[in-house]
Amino acid sequence: MHGQEEVTYLHPALAPILEETYGITVYQEQIMYTAMNLAGYSASEADNLRKAVAKKKADALQQQRKKFVSGAVQGGIPQNTASAIFDQWETFARYGFPKGHAADYAVICVQTAYLKTHYPLEYMTALLSVFKHDNDKVAIYIADCRRMGLDALSPDINTSGLDFEIEDRLDRPAGIRFGLGAVKNVGESAVETILKARREGDPFESLEDFARRVDLRHVGKR
């Protein structure tokens, strides 16, 4: 890609199909085109091959291997080359996409990488809120925040909302306040009850004040 290594193909007939991906099968469509151009598959047969590779079913793959190698040999492709092509497909099957699907993922990757780089506080706050019910991911993302130099602030009964929120501070950069909705076994109904009591009065001064002002029938609900 950068002129440091020559692109090679298992057979010259693969060049028009794999040129844009530098000789490597990346998209499911490339499997179909290869089968049609090298082994005489019809479009529907090539789609069946695509499905067999994608689903990784051993019996279906074995049948398709025989069909592809036989068709490729009849088309003038050496048998060992045809087998090597199919070997690559079986490896590809571990993680292969249609081209359109891959393009969508690429766009999302670029967009989120841009946001994380240029708006790290906002991006990580949104990410944590989206996955607030997944404790394992929350732990990973909070560790990521700290690695990025962002302050992850503990849950606070007087300042936390349902979701993670950006909290401005006078004496230091803004941080990310832990959302009450991400606290294990604390349901949204309980959080809304707490927030309602907080909106209607002053900050909670003590556990006794909290118990007096909040409807305890609701805060125990998940």
Protein backbone atom coordinates (compact mmCIF):
# COMPACT_ATOMS: atom_id res chain seq x y z
CA MET A 1 0.00 0.00 0.00
CA HIS A 2 2.90 2.34 0.81
CA GLY A 3 5.19 0.95 -1.86
CA GLN A 4 7.15 -1.16 0.61
CA GLU A 5 5.92 -4.59 -0.44
CA GLU A 6 4.76 -5.90 -3.78
CA VAL A 7 1.18 -7.13 -3.97
CA THR A 8 0.99 -10.79 -4.95
CA TYR A 9 -1.90 -12.97 -6.07
CA LEU A 10 -2.32 -16.73 -5.85
CA HIS A 11 -3.31 -16.58 -9.53
CA PRO A 12 -3.27 -13.72 -12.07
CA ALA A 13 -7.03 -14.15 -12.61
CA LEU A 14 -7.56 -12.87 -9.06
CA ALA A 15 -5.98 -9.48 -9.79
CA PRO A 16 -9.13 -7.72 -11.09
CA ILE A 17 -11.14 -9.01 -8.11
CA LEU A 18 -8.62 -8.41 -5.31
CA GLU A 19 -6.75 -5.37 -6.61
CA GLU A 20 -8.56 -2.86 -4.37
CA THR A 21 -7.77 -4.94 -1.27
CA TYR A 22 -4.13 -5.61 -2.22
CA GLY A 23 -4.48 -9.29 -3.03
CA ILE A 24 -6.40 -10.24 0.11
CA THR A 25 -10.01 -11.40 0.22
CA VAL A 26 -11.73 -8.89 2.50
CA TYR A 27 -15.35 -8.79 1.34
CA GLN A 28 -17.86 -11.59 0.89
CA GLU A 29 -18.61 -10.37 -2.61
CA GLN A 30 -15.02 -11.13 -3.61
CA ILE A 31 -15.58 -14.80 -2.79
CA MET A 32 -18.63 -14.80 -5.05
CA TYR A 33 -16.84 -13.08 -7.94
CA THR A 34 -13.88 -15.46 -7.64
CA ALA A 35 -16.14 -18.52 -7.73
CA MET A 36 -18.03 -17.16 -10.75
CA ASN A 37 -14.94 -16.09 -12.70
CA LEU A 38 -12.59 -18.96 -11.87
CA ALA A 39 -14.88 -21.95 -11.23
CA GLY A 40 -17.94 -21.26 -13.38
CA TYR A 41 -20.41 -20.72 -10.56
CA SER A 42 -23.75 -19.10 -11.34
CA ALA A 43 -24.76 -16.10 -9.22
CA SER A 44 -27.09 -18.22 -7.08
CA GLU A 45 -24.42 -20.90 -6.62
CA ALA A 46 -21.92 -18.24 -5.60
CA ASP A 47 -24.38 -16.92 -3.04
CA ASN A 48 -24.74 -20.42 -1.60
CA LEU A 49 -20.95 -20.54 -1.33
CA ARG A 50 -20.96 -17.18 0.46
CA LYS A 51 -23.49 -18.48 2.98
CA ALA A 52 -21.52 -21.67 3.58
CA VAL A 53 -18.35 -19.70 4.27
CA ALA A 54 -20.15 -17.20 6.50
CA LYS A 55 -21.88 -19.90 8.57
CA LYS A 56 -18.70 -21.98 8.88
CA LYS A 57 -20.56 -25.30 8.61
CA ALA A 58 -17.99 -28.05 8.07
CA ASP A 59 -20.11 -30.30 5.86
CA ALA A 60 -21.27 -27.44 3.63
CA LEU A 61 -17.71 -26.09 3.36
CA GLN A 62 -16.39 -29.50 2.36
CA GLN A 63 -18.99 -29.80 -0.40
CA GLN A 64 -18.21 -26.30 -1.63
CA ARG A 65 -14.48 -26.99 -1.58
CA LYS A 66 -14.92 -29.98 -3.87
CA LYS A 67 -17.20 -28.02 -6.19
CA PHE A 68 -14.91 -24.99 -6.36
CA VAL A 69 -11.68 -26.92 -6.86
CA SER A 70 -13.28 -29.10 -9.54
CA GLY A 71 -14.70 -26.10 -11.39
CA ALA A 72 -11.46 -24.13 -11.12
CA VAL A 73 -9.40 -27.05 -12.46
CA GLN A 74 -11.76 -27.35 -15.43
CA GLY A 75 -11.17 -23.64 -16.01
CA GLY A 76 -7.41 -24.11 -16.15
CA ILE A 77 -6.46 -23.27 -12.56
CA PRO A 78 -3.92 -25.67 -10.96
CA GLN A 79 -5.50 -27.84 -8.28
CA ASN A 80 -3.06 -26.76 -5.56
CA THR A 81 -3.78 -23.10 -6.35
CA ALA A 82 -7.54 -23.66 -6.18
CA SER A 83 -7.14 -25.42 -2.83
CA ALA A 84 -4.96 -22.58 -1.52
CA ILE A 85 -7.64 -20.04 -2.51
CA PHE A 86 -10.28 -22.00 -0.61
CA ASP A 87 -7.94 -22.31 2.38
CA GLN A 88 -7.81 -18.51 2.53
CA TRP A 89 -11.59 -18.34 2.45
CA GLU A 90 -11.88 -20.65 5.45
CA THR A 91 -9.56 -18.32 7.37
CA PHE A 92 -11.52 -15.31 6.12
CA ALA A 93 -14.72 -16.89 7.44
CA ARG A 94 -13.69 -16.07 10.99
CA TYR A 95 -14.54 -12.43 10.40
CA GLY A 96 -15.83 -11.45 6.98
CA PHE A 97 -18.35 -8.80 5.96
CA PRO A 98 -20.20 -7.74 2.86
CA LYS A 99 -18.57 -4.64 1.40
CA GLY A 100 -21.50 -2.40 2.34
CA HIS A 101 -21.42 -3.65 5.93
CA ALA A 102 -17.67 -3.10 6.14
CA ALA A 103 -18.05 0.43 4.76
CA ASP A 104 -20.64 1.26 7.43
CA TYR A 105 -18.31 0.02 10.16
CA ALA A 106 -15.43 2.04 8.71
CA VAL A 107 -17.51 5.24 8.73
CA ILE A 108 -18.58 4.65 12.33
CA CYS A 109 -14.97 3.97 13.36
CA VAL A 110 -13.75 7.21 11.79
CA GLN A 111 -16.59 9.24 13.29
CA THR A 112 -16.18 7.88 16.81
CA ALA A 113 -12.37 8.14 16.65
CA TYR A 114 -12.76 11.81 15.68
CA LEU A 115 -15.18 12.48 18.54
CA LYS A 116 -13.02 10.67 21.09
CA THR A 117 -9.95 12.64 19.97
CA HIS A 118 -11.47 16.12 19.71
CA TYR A 119 -14.34 15.91 22.24
CA PRO A 120 -13.10 13.32 24.76
CA LEU A 121 -15.15 14.53 27.72
CA GLU A 122 -18.42 14.64 25.79
CA TYR A 123 -17.73 11.37 23.98
CA MET A 124 -16.85 9.36 27.07
CA THR A 125 -19.83 10.78 28.97
CA ALA A 126 -22.19 9.68 26.21
CA LEU A 127 -20.49 6.29 25.88
CA LEU A 128 -20.81 5.59 29.60
CA SER A 129 -24.47 6.61 29.57
CA VAL A 130 -25.28 4.31 26.66
CA PHE A 131 -23.72 1.32 28.45
CA LYS A 132 -24.67 2.27 32.01
CA HIS A 133 -26.39 -1.09 32.60
CA ASP A 134 -23.29 -3.07 31.59
CA ASN A 135 -21.06 -3.04 34.68
CA ASP A 136 -18.09 -4.63 32.93
CA LYS A 137 -18.06 -2.05 30.13
CA VAL A 138 -18.57 0.81 32.59
CA ALA A 139 -15.47 -0.34 34.49
CA ILE A 140 -13.46 -0.53 31.26
CA TYR A 141 -14.58 2.91 30.08
CA ILE A 142 -13.90 4.54 33.45
CA ALA A 143 -10.38 3.11 33.35
CA ASP A 144 -10.09 4.54 29.83
CA CYS A 145 -11.21 7.94 31.13
CA ARG A 146 -8.48 7.93 33.75
CA ARG A 147 -5.92 6.90 31.16
CA MET A 148 -7.04 9.89 29.07
CA GLY A 149 -6.67 12.24 32.05
CA LEU A 150 -10.42 12.68 32.59
CA ASP A 151 -11.78 12.72 36.14
CA ALA A 152 -14.44 10.07 36.74
CA LEU A 153 -16.37 11.30 39.77
CA SER A 154 -18.05 8.92 42.20
CA PRO A 155 -21.85 8.71 42.51
CA ASP A 156 -23.23 11.58 44.58
CA ILE A 157 -26.78 11.57 45.91
CA ASN A 158 -26.91 15.36 45.57
CA THR A 159 -25.37 15.84 42.12
CA SER A 160 -25.67 12.60 40.13
CA GLY A 161 -28.43 12.25 37.57
CA LEU A 162 -29.83 9.12 35.97
CA ASP A 163 -27.09 9.08 33.31
CA PHE A 164 -23.44 10.04 33.42
CA GLU A 165 -23.13 13.82 33.15
CA ILE A 166 -20.43 16.42 32.65
CA GLU A 167 -19.93 18.32 35.89
CA ASP A 168 -18.29 21.75 35.81
CA ARG A 169 -15.99 22.62 38.70
CA LEU A 170 -14.59 25.98 39.74
CA ASP A 171 -11.13 24.88 40.83
CA ARG A 172 -10.33 22.22 38.23
CA PRO A 173 -11.38 20.93 34.79
CA ALA A 174 -14.84 19.47 34.36
CA GLY A 175 -15.27 15.80 35.20
CA ILE A 176 -17.73 13.00 34.49
CA ARG A 177 -20.19 12.39 37.32
CA PHE A 178 -21.23 8.77 37.75
CA GLY A 179 -24.91 8.25 36.94
CA LEU A 180 -27.18 6.74 39.57
CA GLY A 181 -28.71 4.59 36.86
CA ALA A 182 -25.37 2.79 36.55
CA VAL A 183 -25.28 1.77 40.22
CA LYS A 184 -25.85 -1.97 40.41
CA ASN A 185 -29.40 -2.99 41.41
CA VAL A 186 -30.65 0.62 41.35
CA GLY A 187 -33.59 0.89 38.96
CA GLU A 188 -34.72 3.89 36.94
CA SER A 189 -37.88 4.24 39.03
CA ALA A 190 -35.80 4.54 42.19
CA VAL A 191 -33.54 7.14 40.60
CA GLU A 192 -36.48 9.22 39.40
CA THR A 193 -37.93 9.16 42.92
CA ILE A 194 -34.64 10.47 44.33
CA LEU A 195 -34.34 13.16 41.65
CA LYS A 196 -37.92 14.29 42.27
CA ALA A 197 -37.26 14.74 45.99
CA ARG A 198 -34.07 16.61 45.20
CA ARG A 199 -35.80 18.99 42.79
CA GLU A 200 -38.49 19.78 45.34
CA GLY A 201 -36.12 20.68 48.17
CA ASP A 202 -32.57 21.41 49.22
CA PRO A 203 -29.66 18.98 48.92
CA PHE A 204 -29.88 15.98 51.22
CA GLU A 205 -28.07 16.73 54.47
CA SER A 206 -27.91 13.25 55.94
CA LEU A 207 -29.16 9.69 55.63
CA GLU A 208 -32.00 10.61 57.97
CA ASP A 209 -32.92 13.58 55.79
CA PHE A 210 -32.88 11.32 52.73
CA ALA A 211 -35.12 8.72 54.41
CA ARG A 212 -37.55 11.42 55.50
CA ARG A 213 -37.92 13.11 52.12
CA VAL A 214 -37.81 10.18 49.69
CA ASP A 215 -40.67 7.73 49.23
CA LEU A 216 -38.93 4.56 50.37
CA ARG A 217 -41.58 2.39 48.72
CA HIS A 218 -40.07 3.29 45.34
CA VAL A 219 -36.33 3.45 45.98
CA GLY A 220 -36.13 -0.29 46.59
CA LYS A 221 -37.41 -1.10 43.10
CA ARG A 222 -34.95 -2.17 40.43
